[in-house]
Structures are given as C-alpha cells and as structure tokens.
C-alpha cells in the first residue's frame, strides 16, 4: 500500500449497527439488493467480519470516516410513516481508499494514447514530403493510412472490448502497447533495402497494427476512471486520457520541423533521410512505452476508490444487450458519433481543406497544432467542471454543440468566399470548431456510463467510439471518389453539428452510478438485476 495514499473516510459504524438492529424486524431490511451485496456486512455476518468506524464528529457533513463507506441501500417499498427506517436506507459498510499510484496508471496509459494517435496521423502533416520521397504515394495513399485506423477499429472493437472485460485492464493495455511497438518496428525494416514498394507495404502493416489498439485507447478511459478514481475525479480522469490521445495530433503537426518539404528546396533523397530518422525515433519510443507498461501497470487498486467500484459489472454480452435495448443510450451514441467522428477524421486530412484557403504544409502545421492544444485545454476545463457541477451534462453538451456549429459555419463562409479570407479567421474558426466538438467527448462518455450502469465501462466506451470511427471511416472513404475535390467537407462539418443536436434533445438524463456514490439512491433509476 502506498505511503502517500489518501483515504476516503466515510460512514458511522456505531450508528450503522444501531440502525441495522432497529430495522431487523423488517424482513426486507436484512436482504440487500444483489447489486449492493456484501457478504462481510450482511446482518448474518459474524462480528469479526463487520467493519466498524469511529463515530462522526458534529462538524462532519459527509458520511466519511477511516476509509469505511456506509452505503445507503434504498427500500422505499417497505417504509411506513413513523417507521424507524423511514430514511429509506440501510447502511452497508464498505471500505474505499485512494492510491497515489493511480496517477502513474493514468499517466502511462495517456502517454500510450498520445503515441497511438501520433502514429495514426503521422503522414497527414508531411504529405508533400512523403509524396516526393516515395514513388506511388499521393492523397489517396495518405488517406488510406489514416483509414486503416478506422477500419481496424470497426472490425476489432468487439474482440478487444471483450478481451479487456474478460481479462482485465492490464492484459488489454499490454496488448495495445505490444501492437504499437510491433507496428513501429516493422515499418523501419524496409530502410535496409531500397524498395519503395516494400516500404509502402510495411507502412500499411504498421497502420493496421497501430489502428487496432485505438479500440481500447479510446474505450478504456472510463474504465480506468472507474477502477482508480473517486467520483469527483472520474470525468477529469477520462478527459485527461482523451486529451492526451488528441495531443498526438499536436505532436504530429510538429513533424515538418524534422522533415523538410519540397517547397524548402530539399531533394527527394534528403527528404527520405529525414523520414527515416523520424521513423527510427518513433520505433524507439514505441518500444520504450511497451517496456514501461510491462514493468508496472497494476490492473486495479487493492481497495476500490468508490462505492460503485465495489460492485460487479455485467459481462460483455449482457452489457451489449442492455445498451442496445436502451433508447437513451442509442441516442447518446448517435449524437456523439456524428459530432465527434467527422471532426476527428477531418484533422487527419486538414491540409487539403487549408490548401483551398492558401495555407500549405508549413502553415497548416500551426493551425493543426493550435487547434489540438486549445481543444485539450477546453476539454480539461469541461471535464473538471462536470465533476464539480453535478447533474448538468446534457445542457453542457447542447451548449458546446451550438458553439461548434457556429465555428464550422464561419469556416464554411471562408471556404466559399462569402467573407474576406484572413489568416486569423482561419485559425479562429478551425480552433473553435475542433475545440468545442472535442470538449463534448468526456461528457458524452460520462453520460452514457451513467445511463448504462451497471454495464462495464469499457463496453460503453466501445459502443461510443465504434460509432465515432464508423462515421470517420465513411468520411475518409469519400476521398476515394474520383475528382470529388474538397469543397464538400465544409458542408458536412456544418451539418454534423446540427444533426447531432437532434437526438440529444430526446435523451433523458439519469445519473444512476453517481446517485449511488453520493448516497442519493432515491434519485437513481438503477434497478436490481
């Protein structure tokens, strides 16, 4: 146990015991709902198995003492006026504890998430350079490299989510890190030959190997948050992992600082040498991340950080069935897929849209870099405020989507010459659109997990990100239509926000998981299974 660990202190063991004794005449009060069952604290357990805690002080405002959580289990159907159990609860004692190592788990996973996104989008920011250095490359090849990520995601999301649900967090993360390391290493093998065709094939293989881990990189953050973080840090933890994944795009937009472009007068041989050096660096980084995870990445803390973290989740197939039968979950998923899927895929080919506005590879680098950094800040702020301001996710999402529509409409007017094109307007419209659409991600995840409880968090994340990538896959495949150009992109960006807003309007908010953690079971729609 960490020396620097913190404890969530909760519960009054003495009053809890008295309360249970008083309610013992109620036949229902000694039977806990299956979702809250704890054999060590049932009314039939021996004194040696009953957790007790010091009495609360008069100044205490929360049921927190010595890492022991008193969980209130709601039984409204058995209460009558004047009943000593009319507080609608039975106190079940459960221990919770926070560990400083949770920050290491989040950090190393976030670094892996950043690196995975960096490899997925590697070629977009240096498309002019790679086209000049390697025979047969062009816009369709660059788009296909990004498309492998979405293809791999759609085809592998089910087995990868099953793997993490059945085998645990560590096995899932290790699998992802191994695939990323393998992909980045096989990509440098062709440099020992002179075959451009061999390099192209290995680049495709790498794109597939890097794309498969994207399933859990995007789906696992809610699970890490639930396993390791307390309720008031969960959305923030999810946001951190997602922001780090997004920052991979920011790092990729700095690649032109290493790889020269033809516009700078570099020869194809010089550009090829730059690309080789860059890919050697990425192979080393991928191997180092894998090694760090092998050395230390615990699957879960010894003691859970929250009341609901004690509870067993549904298995993968039951989680899927429950999600597919929930109208609210499907509406949330549809809204998220539309508002997030298109902008995410667009950033991988942002250069092509900016070329029509007179910005080329070097300048596009700064537009992309700025948009990713600002979107990360906005997302972290949104996640932290969601943790502090309980129960307002839907209005927050609607606000962000409306702002998203406004920014992309601004970019639409610039693209079609309806207003005078200036550099600051290009920066502002792109940064605003990407930031507001991405800030929705942790809020959508949190809302879906709350509605789906007790479905496994990784299954919920898989459903959301699977839809997100399916939308992105469709978007990138449009580039293969001959002579289609790039003007249509602006139409899609504007319409995506408007279409995402419609299903969200019909979603009924439900905070089942948070209500249990906050001892407000009467406000939860969660029913025993």
Foldseek 3Di string as FASTA:
>chain_A
DDPPWFAFFFAAQVVLVVLCVLCVVQVCLQDAFPQQDDVLFGPPHDPVSHDHFHGDDPPDDGGGHDQKHFFWGADVVRDDPPRSCVVRGRTGIAGAIADPCLVVLLVLLLLLLLLLLLLLLQCQLAVQLVPQQAPPGDPLLLLVLNLLLLVLLLVQLQVLLLCCLVVFDLVSSLQLLVLQLVLLVQLLVCVVDDDSVSNSVSSSSSSNSSSNNVSCLQLVLLVSLQQHHALLCNLLSSLSSLLSSLCSLLVSLCLCVQAPGVVVVDHSVSNVVSVSVVSVVSSVVSVVSSVVSVVDNDRGDPGGRFSSSPGDFDRQVVLVVLQVPDLQLVLLLLLLLLLQQLLVLCLSNVQQLCVLVVDHSNRVSVLSNLLSVLLSVLLSVLSNVCSVDDDCLLVLLLVLLVQLLVLLVLVLCSSVVVDDDDPVSSSVSSSSNSNSSSSNSSSSLQQSPQVSPPHNSSSSSSSNVSSNSVSSSVVSVVVVPPPPGCSCSSVSSNVSSVVSNVSSVPRDTARQPVCSRRSNNVRHPDDRD
